[in-house]
Amino acid sequence: LCIAWVKKKTLNSNEKILLLLGCSRFWYLC
């Protein structure tokens, strides 16, 4: 999602939720 963000310069609403969800789960598990 970060690579797509850099390429498109924007994220849709679904991708914003997925991005924060992935970050929160990664740091929670870590």
Full PDB file with SEQRES, HELIX, SHEET, SSBOND, CRYST1, ORIGX, SCALE, CONECT and MASTER records, all heavy atoms in Angstrom:
SEQRES   1 A   30  LEU CYS ILE ALA TRP VAL LYS LYS LYS THR LEU ASN SER          
SEQRES   2 A   30  ASN GLU LYS ILE LEU LEU LEU LEU GLY CYS SER ARG PHE          
SEQRES   3 A   30  TRP TYR LEU CYS                                              
HELIX    1 AA1 CYS A    2  LYS A    8  1                                   7    
HELIX    2 AA2 SER A   13  LEU A   29  1                                  17    
CRYST1    1.000    1.000    1.000  90.00  90.00  90.00 P 1           1          
ORIGX1      1.000000  0.000000  0.000000        0.00000                         
ORIGX2      0.000000  1.000000  0.000000        0.00000                         
ORIGX3      0.000000  0.000000  1.000000        0.00000                         
SCALE1      1.000000  0.000000  0.000000        0.00000                         
SCALE2      0.000000  1.000000  0.000000        0.00000                         
SCALE3      0.000000  0.000000  1.000000        0.00000                         
ATOM      1  N   LEU A   1       0.822  -1.212   0.000  1.00  0.00           N  
ATOM      2  CA  LEU A   1       0.000   0.000   0.000  1.00  0.00           C  
ATOM      3  C   LEU A   1       0.857   1.264   0.000  1.00  0.00           C  
ATOM      4  O   LEU A   1       0.490   2.268  -0.625  1.00  0.00           O  
ATOM      5  CB  LEU A   1      -0.927  -0.015   1.215  1.00  0.00           C  
ATOM      6  CG  LEU A   1      -2.013  -1.102   1.200  1.00  0.00           C  
ATOM      7  CD1 LEU A   1      -2.826  -1.064   2.476  1.00  0.00           C  
ATOM      8  CD2 LEU A   1      -2.924  -0.942  -0.011  1.00  0.00           C  
ATOM      9  N   CYS A   2       2.002   1.231   0.684  1.00  0.00           N  
ATOM     10  CA  CYS A   2       2.892   2.401   0.682  1.00  0.00           C  
ATOM     11  C   CYS A   2       3.494   2.629  -0.708  1.00  0.00           C  
ATOM     12  O   CYS A   2       3.626   3.780  -1.154  1.00  0.00           O  
ATOM     13  CB  CYS A   2       3.996   2.221   1.714  1.00  0.00           C  
ATOM     14  SG  CYS A   2       3.447   2.426   3.429  1.00  0.00           S  
ATOM     15  N   ILE A   3       3.853   1.546  -1.393  1.00  0.00           N  
ATOM     16  CA  ILE A   3       4.371   1.674  -2.758  1.00  0.00           C  
ATOM     17  C   ILE A   3       3.298   2.253  -3.684  1.00  0.00           C  
ATOM     18  O   ILE A   3       3.579   3.142  -4.509  1.00  0.00           O  
ATOM     19  CB  ILE A   3       4.869   0.307  -3.271  1.00  0.00           C  
ATOM     20  CG1 ILE A   3       6.107  -0.128  -2.482  1.00  0.00           C  
ATOM     21  CG2 ILE A   3       5.187   0.377  -4.761  1.00  0.00           C  
ATOM     22  CD1 ILE A   3       6.558  -1.540  -2.806  1.00  0.00           C  
ATOM     23  N   ALA A   4       2.062   1.765  -3.533  1.00  0.00           N  
ATOM     24  CA  ALA A   4       0.964   2.307  -4.341  1.00  0.00           C  
ATOM     25  C   ALA A   4       0.699   3.769  -3.999  1.00  0.00           C  
ATOM     26  O   ALA A   4       0.377   4.575  -4.880  1.00  0.00           O  
ATOM     27  CB  ALA A   4      -0.302   1.479  -4.107  1.00  0.00           C  
ATOM     28  N   TRP A   5       0.866   4.119  -2.730  1.00  0.00           N  
ATOM     29  CA  TRP A   5       0.676   5.508  -2.301  1.00  0.00           C  
ATOM     30  C   TRP A   5       1.705   6.431  -2.945  1.00  0.00           C  
ATOM     31  O   TRP A   5       1.389   7.524  -3.416  1.00  0.00           O  
ATOM     32  CB  TRP A   5       0.774   5.567  -0.779  1.00  0.00           C  
ATOM     33  CG  TRP A   5       0.345   6.869  -0.173  1.00  0.00           C  
ATOM     34  CD1 TRP A   5      -0.184   7.952  -0.837  1.00  0.00           C  
ATOM     35  CD2 TRP A   5       0.384   7.225   1.207  1.00  0.00           C  
ATOM     36  NE1 TRP A   5      -0.473   8.958   0.037  1.00  0.00           N  
ATOM     37  CE2 TRP A   5      -0.134   8.550   1.307  1.00  0.00           C  
ATOM     38  CE3 TRP A   5       0.803   6.565   2.357  1.00  0.00           C  
ATOM     39  CZ2 TRP A   5      -0.224   9.200   2.533  1.00  0.00           C  
ATOM     40  CZ3 TRP A   5       0.699   7.220   3.568  1.00  0.00           C  
ATOM     41  CH2 TRP A   5       0.204   8.516   3.648  1.00  0.00           C  
ATOM     42  N   VAL A   6       2.956   5.964  -2.990  1.00  0.00           N  
ATOM     43  CA  VAL A   6       4.014   6.761  -3.602  1.00  0.00           C  
ATOM     44  C   VAL A   6       3.764   6.927  -5.099  1.00  0.00           C  
ATOM     45  O   VAL A   6       3.960   8.016  -5.667  1.00  0.00           O  
ATOM     46  CB  VAL A   6       5.391   6.118  -3.357  1.00  0.00           C  
ATOM     47  CG1 VAL A   6       6.476   6.823  -4.162  1.00  0.00           C  
ATOM     48  CG2 VAL A   6       5.734   6.141  -1.872  1.00  0.00           C  
ATOM     49  N   LYS A   7       3.306   5.876  -5.758  1.00  0.00           N  
ATOM     50  CA  LYS A   7       3.076   5.931  -7.195  1.00  0.00           C  
ATOM     51  C   LYS A   7       1.866   6.794  -7.552  1.00  0.00           C  
ATOM     52  O   LYS A   7       1.926   7.610  -8.471  1.00  0.00           O  
ATOM     53  CB  LYS A   7       2.885   4.515  -7.743  1.00  0.00           C  
ATOM     54  CG  LYS A   7       4.150   3.673  -7.729  1.00  0.00           C  
ATOM     55  CD  LYS A   7       3.884   2.302  -8.331  1.00  0.00           C  
ATOM     56  CE  LYS A   7       5.162   1.454  -8.376  1.00  0.00           C  
ATOM     57  NZ  LYS A   7       4.914   0.100  -8.945  1.00  0.00           N  
ATOM     58  N   LYS A   8       0.765   6.609  -6.841  1.00  0.00           N  
ATOM     59  CA  LYS A   8      -0.470   7.320  -7.170  1.00  0.00           C  
ATOM     60  C   LYS A   8      -0.624   8.653  -6.446  1.00  0.00           C  
ATOM     61  O   LYS A   8      -1.501   9.440  -6.784  1.00  0.00           O  
ATOM     62  CB  LYS A   8      -1.683   6.444  -6.837  1.00  0.00           C  
ATOM     63  CG  LYS A   8      -1.749   5.133  -7.608  1.00  0.00           C  
ATOM     64  CD  LYS A   8      -3.072   4.439  -7.388  1.00  0.00           C  
ATOM     65  CE  LYS A   8      -3.333   4.187  -5.918  1.00  0.00           C  
ATOM     66  NZ  LYS A   8      -4.624   3.515  -5.680  1.00  0.00           N  
ATOM     67  N   LYS A   9       0.201   8.887  -5.424  1.00  0.00           N  
ATOM     68  CA  LYS A   9       0.134  10.095  -4.608  1.00  0.00           C  
ATOM     69  C   LYS A   9      -1.152  10.185  -3.791  1.00  0.00           C  
ATOM     70  O   LYS A   9      -1.425  11.218  -3.172  1.00  0.00           O  
ATOM     71  CB  LYS A   9       0.252  11.367  -5.477  1.00  0.00           C  
ATOM     72  CG  LYS A   9       1.470  11.392  -6.385  1.00  0.00           C  
ATOM     73  CD  LYS A   9       2.773  11.359  -5.598  1.00  0.00           C  
ATOM     74  CE  LYS A   9       3.969  11.443  -6.530  1.00  0.00           C  
ATOM     75  NZ  LYS A   9       5.260  11.382  -5.794  1.00  0.00           N  
ATOM     76  N   THR A  10      -1.918   9.116  -3.768  1.00  0.00           N  
ATOM     77  CA  THR A  10      -3.164   9.121  -3.002  1.00  0.00           C  
ATOM     78  C   THR A  10      -3.583   7.679  -2.699  1.00  0.00           C  
ATOM     79  O   THR A  10      -3.115   6.734  -3.358  1.00  0.00           O  
ATOM     80  CB  THR A  10      -4.285   9.828  -3.768  1.00  0.00           C  
ATOM     81  OG1 THR A  10      -5.455   9.895  -2.946  1.00  0.00           O  
ATOM     82  CG2 THR A  10      -4.624   9.088  -5.044  1.00  0.00           C  
ATOM     83  N   LEU A  11      -4.466   7.531  -1.707  1.00  0.00           N  
ATOM     84  CA  LEU A  11      -5.040   6.235  -1.359  1.00  0.00           C  
ATOM     85  C   LEU A  11      -6.541   6.394  -1.223  1.00  0.00           C  
ATOM     86  O   LEU A  11      -7.027   7.419  -0.732  1.00  0.00           O  
ATOM     87  CB  LEU A  11      -4.464   5.715  -0.027  1.00  0.00           C  
ATOM     88  CG  LEU A  11      -3.011   5.252   0.006  1.00  0.00           C  
ATOM     89  CD1 LEU A  11      -2.616   4.890   1.431  1.00  0.00           C  
ATOM     90  CD2 LEU A  11      -2.788   4.068  -0.921  1.00  0.00           C  
ATOM     91  N   ASN A  12      -7.281   5.374  -1.679  1.00  0.00           N  
ATOM     92  CA  ASN A  12      -8.723   5.425  -1.469  1.00  0.00           C  
ATOM     93  C   ASN A  12      -9.049   5.028  -0.022  1.00  0.00           C  
ATOM     94  O   ASN A  12      -8.172   4.630   0.750  1.00  0.00           O  
ATOM     95  CB  ASN A  12      -9.458   4.529  -2.473  1.00  0.00           C  
ATOM     96  CG  ASN A  12      -9.018   3.078  -2.393  1.00  0.00           C  
ATOM     97  OD1 ASN A  12      -8.818   2.524  -1.308  1.00  0.00           O  
ATOM     98  ND2 ASN A  12      -8.885   2.434  -3.550  1.00  0.00           N  
ATOM     99  N   SER A  13     -10.314   5.142   0.352  1.00  0.00           N  
ATOM    100  CA  SER A  13     -10.711   4.912   1.744  1.00  0.00           C  
ATOM    101  C   SER A  13     -10.427   3.490   2.199  1.00  0.00           C  
ATOM    102  O   SER A  13      -9.978   3.258   3.334  1.00  0.00           O  
ATOM    103  CB  SER A  13     -12.204   5.230   1.903  1.00  0.00           C  
ATOM    104  OG  SER A  13     -12.465   6.582   1.598  1.00  0.00           O  
ATOM    105  N   ASN A  14     -10.682   2.521   1.325  1.00  0.00           N  
ATOM    106  CA  ASN A  14     -10.424   1.125   1.662  1.00  0.00           C  
ATOM    107  C   ASN A  14      -8.945   0.900   1.950  1.00  0.00           C  
ATOM    108  O   ASN A  14      -8.573   0.211   2.922  1.00  0.00           O  
ATOM    109  CB  ASN A  14     -10.891   0.235   0.510  1.00  0.00           C  
ATOM    110  CG  ASN A  14     -10.658  -1.237   0.773  1.00  0.00           C  
ATOM    111  OD1 ASN A  14     -10.912  -1.721   1.876  1.00  0.00           O  
ATOM    112  ND2 ASN A  14     -10.168  -1.949  -0.219  1.00  0.00           N  
ATOM    113  N   GLU A  15      -8.086   1.482   1.139  1.00  0.00           N  
ATOM    114  CA  GLU A  15      -6.643   1.312   1.321  1.00  0.00           C  
ATOM    115  C   GLU A  15      -6.144   2.029   2.576  1.00  0.00           C  
ATOM    116  O   GLU A  15      -5.205   1.562   3.226  1.00  0.00           O  
ATOM    117  CB  GLU A  15      -5.909   1.826   0.078  1.00  0.00           C  
ATOM    118  CG  GLU A  15      -6.146   0.980  -1.162  1.00  0.00           C  
ATOM    119  CD  GLU A  15      -5.575   1.604  -2.422  1.00  0.00           C  
ATOM    120  OE1 GLU A  15      -5.412   2.847  -2.435  1.00  0.00           O  
ATOM    121  OE2 GLU A  15      -5.314   0.873  -3.384  1.00  0.00           O  
ATOM    122  N   LYS A  16      -6.754   3.151   2.929  1.00  0.00           N  
ATOM    123  CA  LYS A  16      -6.372   3.840   4.165  1.00  0.00           C  
ATOM    124  C   LYS A  16      -6.643   2.962   5.379  1.00  0.00           C  
ATOM    125  O   LYS A  16      -5.807   2.860   6.293  1.00  0.00           O  
ATOM    126  CB  LYS A  16      -7.142   5.158   4.286  1.00  0.00           C  
ATOM    127  CG  LYS A  16      -6.749   6.217   3.276  1.00  0.00           C  
ATOM    128  CD  LYS A  16      -7.616   7.451   3.416  1.00  0.00           C  
ATOM    129  CE  LYS A  16      -7.277   8.489   2.354  1.00  0.00           C  
ATOM    130  NZ  LYS A  16      -8.175   9.686   2.429  1.00  0.00           N  
ATOM    131  N   ILE A  17      -7.816   2.326   5.404  1.00  0.00           N  
ATOM    132  CA  ILE A  17      -8.152   1.446   6.533  1.00  0.00           C  
ATOM    133  C   ILE A  17      -7.212   0.252   6.572  1.00  0.00           C  
ATOM    134  O   ILE A  17      -6.711  -0.137   7.638  1.00  0.00           O  
ATOM    135  CB  ILE A  17      -9.617   0.987   6.438  1.00  0.00           C  
ATOM    136  CG1 ILE A  17     -10.557   2.188   6.434  1.00  0.00           C  
ATOM    137  CG2 ILE A  17      -9.958   0.066   7.604  1.00  0.00           C  
ATOM    138  CD1 ILE A  17     -12.013   1.828   6.233  1.00  0.00           C  
ATOM    139  N   LEU A  18      -6.951  -0.347   5.406  1.00  0.00           N  
ATOM    140  CA  LEU A  18      -6.055  -1.504   5.353  1.00  0.00           C  
ATOM    141  C   LEU A  18      -4.642  -1.134   5.788  1.00  0.00           C  
ATOM    142  O   LEU A  18      -3.967  -1.928   6.470  1.00  0.00           O  
ATOM    143  CB  LEU A  18      -6.034  -2.079   3.935  1.00  0.00           C  
ATOM    144  CG  LEU A  18      -7.259  -2.874   3.483  1.00  0.00           C  
ATOM    145  CD1 LEU A  18      -7.120  -3.282   2.027  1.00  0.00           C  
ATOM    146  CD2 LEU A  18      -7.442  -4.115   4.361  1.00  0.00           C  
ATOM    147  N   LEU A  19      -4.188   0.060   5.417  1.00  0.00           N  
ATOM    148  CA  LEU A  19      -2.840   0.485   5.784  1.00  0.00           C  
ATOM    149  C   LEU A  19      -2.700   0.623   7.300  1.00  0.00           C  
ATOM    150  O   LEU A  19      -1.747   0.092   7.895  1.00  0.00           O  
ATOM    151  CB  LEU A  19      -2.515   1.820   5.106  1.00  0.00           C  
ATOM    152  CG  LEU A  19      -1.139   2.428   5.426  1.00  0.00           C  
ATOM    153  CD1 LEU A  19      -0.020   1.497   4.984  1.00  0.00           C  
ATOM    154  CD2 LEU A  19      -0.995   3.788   4.752  1.00  0.00           C  
ATOM    155  N   LEU A  20      -3.640   1.314   7.932  1.00  0.00           N  
ATOM    156  CA  LEU A  20      -3.578   1.472   9.381  1.00  0.00           C  
ATOM    157  C   LEU A  20      -3.811   0.152  10.097  1.00  0.00           C  
ATOM    158  O   LEU A  20      -3.207  -0.109  11.146  1.00  0.00           O  
ATOM    159  CB  LEU A  20      -4.606   2.504   9.837  1.00  0.00           C  
ATOM    160  CG  LEU A  20      -4.315   3.951   9.434  1.00  0.00           C  
ATOM    161  CD1 LEU A  20      -5.406   4.881   9.944  1.00  0.00           C  
ATOM    162  CD2 LEU A  20      -2.963   4.397   9.973  1.00  0.00           C  
ATOM    163  N   LEU A  21      -4.671  -0.691   9.537  1.00  0.00           N  
ATOM    164  CA  LEU A  21      -4.903  -2.005  10.133  1.00  0.00           C  
ATOM    165  C   LEU A  21      -3.642  -2.859  10.095  1.00  0.00           C  
ATOM    166  O   LEU A  21      -3.280  -3.515  11.079  1.00  0.00           O  
ATOM    167  CB  LEU A  21      -6.048  -2.712   9.407  1.00  0.00           C  
ATOM    168  CG  LEU A  21      -6.449  -4.100   9.921  1.00  0.00           C  
ATOM    169  CD1 LEU A  21      -6.898  -4.022  11.370  1.00  0.00           C  
ATOM    170  CD2 LEU A  21      -7.553  -4.693   9.046  1.00  0.00           C  
ATOM    171  N   GLY A  22      -2.951  -2.846   8.954  1.00  0.00           N  
ATOM    172  CA  GLY A  22      -1.702  -3.596   8.842  1.00  0.00           C  
ATOM    173  C   GLY A  22      -0.636  -3.088   9.791  1.00  0.00           C  
ATOM    174  O   GLY A  22       0.082  -3.870  10.429  1.00  0.00           O  
ATOM    175  N   CYS A  23      -0.529  -1.752   9.926  1.00  0.00           N  
ATOM    176  CA  CYS A  23       0.455  -1.163  10.853  1.00  0.00           C  
ATOM    177  C   CYS A  23       0.154  -1.548  12.294  1.00  0.00           C  
ATOM    178  O   CYS A  23       1.056  -1.932  13.051  1.00  0.00           O  
ATOM    179  CB  CYS A  23       0.467   0.356  10.709  1.00  0.00           C  
ATOM    180  SG  CYS A  23       1.170   0.973   9.164  1.00  0.00           S  
ATOM    181  N   SER A  24      -1.114  -1.431  12.689  1.00  0.00           N  
ATOM    182  CA  SER A  24      -1.476  -1.726  14.078  1.00  0.00           C  
ATOM    183  C   SER A  24      -1.240  -3.194  14.407  1.00  0.00           C  
ATOM    184  O   SER A  24      -0.760  -3.526  15.502  1.00  0.00           O  
ATOM    185  CB  SER A  24      -2.935  -1.351  14.336  1.00  0.00           C  
ATOM    186  OG  SER A  24      -3.818  -2.151  13.560  1.00  0.00           O  
ATOM    187  N   ARG A  25      -1.551  -4.072  13.466  1.00  0.00           N  
ATOM    188  CA  ARG A  25      -1.352  -5.498  13.728  1.00  0.00           C  
ATOM    189  C   ARG A  25       0.119  -5.868  13.765  1.00  0.00           C  
ATOM    190  O   ARG A  25       0.535  -6.709  14.569  1.00  0.00           O  
ATOM    191  CB  ARG A  25      -2.086  -6.321  12.673  1.00  0.00           C  
ATOM    192  CG  ARG A  25      -3.580  -6.333  12.891  1.00  0.00           C  
ATOM    193  CD  ARG A  25      -4.318  -7.114  11.847  1.00  0.00           C  
ATOM    194  NE  ARG A  25      -5.708  -7.256  12.230  1.00  0.00           N  
ATOM    195  CZ  ARG A  25      -6.644  -7.781  11.459  1.00  0.00           C  
ATOM    196  NH1 ARG A  25      -6.315  -8.201  10.240  1.00  0.00           N  
ATOM    197  NH2 ARG A  25      -7.890  -7.893  11.888  1.00  0.00           N  
ATOM    198  N   PHE A  26       0.917  -5.261  12.898  1.00  0.00           N  
ATOM    199  CA  PHE A  26       2.353  -5.539  12.916  1.00  0.00           C  
ATOM    200  C   PHE A  26       2.965  -5.138  14.250  1.00  0.00           C  
ATOM    201  O   PHE A  26       3.692  -5.922  14.880  1.00  0.00           O  
ATOM    202  CB  PHE A  26       3.042  -4.787  11.778  1.00  0.00           C  
ATOM    203  CG  PHE A  26       4.539  -4.911  11.806  1.00  0.00           C  
ATOM    204  CD1 PHE A  26       5.167  -6.020  11.263  1.00  0.00           C  
ATOM    205  CD2 PHE A  26       5.315  -3.913  12.398  1.00  0.00           C  
ATOM    206  CE1 PHE A  26       6.556  -6.130  11.301  1.00  0.00           C  
ATOM    207  CE2 PHE A  26       6.697  -4.018  12.440  1.00  0.00           C  
ATOM    208  CZ  PHE A  26       7.319  -5.132  11.889  1.00  0.00           C  
ATOM    209  N   TRP A  27       2.668  -3.934  14.712  1.00  0.00           N  
ATOM    210  CA  TRP A  27       3.260  -3.468  15.968  1.00  0.00           C  
ATOM    211  C   TRP A  27       2.670  -4.190  17.168  1.00  0.00           C  
ATOM    212  O   TRP A  27       3.367  -4.400  18.181  1.00  0.00           O  
ATOM    213  CB  TRP A  27       3.076  -1.957  16.104  1.00  0.00           C  
ATOM    214  CG  TRP A  27       3.987  -1.196  15.198  1.00  0.00           C  
ATOM    215  CD1 TRP A  27       3.645  -0.447  14.110  1.00  0.00           C  
ATOM    216  CD2 TRP A  27       5.422  -1.142  15.286  1.00  0.00           C  
ATOM    217  NE1 TRP A  27       4.752   0.074  13.515  1.00  0.00           N  
ATOM    218  CE2 TRP A  27       5.868  -0.329  14.217  1.00  0.00           C  
ATOM    219  CE3 TRP A  27       6.360  -1.690  16.147  1.00  0.00           C  
ATOM    220  CZ2 TRP A  27       7.213  -0.065  13.998  1.00  0.00           C  
ATOM    221  CZ3 TRP A  27       7.699  -1.433  15.937  1.00  0.00           C  
ATOM    222  CH2 TRP A  27       8.118  -0.625  14.879  1.00  0.00           C  
ATOM    223  N   TYR A  28       1.385  -4.585  17.093  1.00  0.00           N  
ATOM    224  CA  TYR A  28       0.806  -5.360  18.193  1.00  0.00           C  
ATOM    225  C   TYR A  28       1.520  -6.699  18.347  1.00  0.00           C  
ATOM    226  O   TYR A  28       1.912  -7.085  19.454  1.00  0.00           O  
ATOM    227  CB  TYR A  28      -0.692  -5.590  17.960  1.00  0.00           C  
ATOM    228  CG  TYR A  28      -1.262  -6.661  18.852  1.00  0.00           C  
ATOM    229  CD1 TYR A  28      -1.435  -6.433  20.221  1.00  0.00           C  
ATOM    230  CD2 TYR A  28      -1.603  -7.913  18.340  1.00  0.00           C  
ATOM    231  CE1 TYR A  28      -1.938  -7.418  21.038  1.00  0.00           C  
ATOM    232  CE2 TYR A  28      -2.106  -8.899  19.156  1.00  0.00           C  
ATOM    233  CZ  TYR A  28      -2.282  -8.657  20.511  1.00  0.00           C  
ATOM    234  OH  TYR A  28      -2.769  -9.644  21.331  1.00  0.00           O  
ATOM    235  N   LEU A  29       1.703  -7.404  17.228  1.00  0.00           N  
ATOM    236  CA  LEU A  29       2.384  -8.690  17.285  1.00  0.00           C  
ATOM    237  C   LEU A  29       3.834  -8.535  17.730  1.00  0.00           C  
ATOM    238  O   LEU A  29       4.349  -9.353  18.505  1.00  0.00           O  
ATOM    239  CB  LEU A  29       2.320  -9.379  15.917  1.00  0.00           C  
ATOM    240  CG  LEU A  29       0.950  -9.920  15.504  1.00  0.00           C  
ATOM    241  CD1 LEU A  29       0.985 -10.396  14.057  1.00  0.00           C  
ATOM    242  CD2 LEU A  29       0.519 -11.057  16.427  1.00  0.00           C  
ATOM    243  N   CYS A  30       4.488  -7.491  17.248  1.00  0.00           N  
ATOM    244  CA  CYS A  30       5.890  -7.261  17.598  1.00  0.00           C  
ATOM    245  C   CYS A  30       6.057  -6.990  19.088  1.00  0.00           C  
ATOM    246  O   CYS A  30       6.869  -7.637  19.771  1.00  0.00           O  
ATOM    247  CB  CYS A  30       6.441  -6.094  16.773  1.00  0.00           C  
ATOM    248  SG  CYS A  30       8.199  -5.772  17.031  1.00  0.00           S  
TER     249      CYS A  30                                                      
MASTER        0    0    0    2    0    0    0    6  248    1    0    3          
END                                                                             
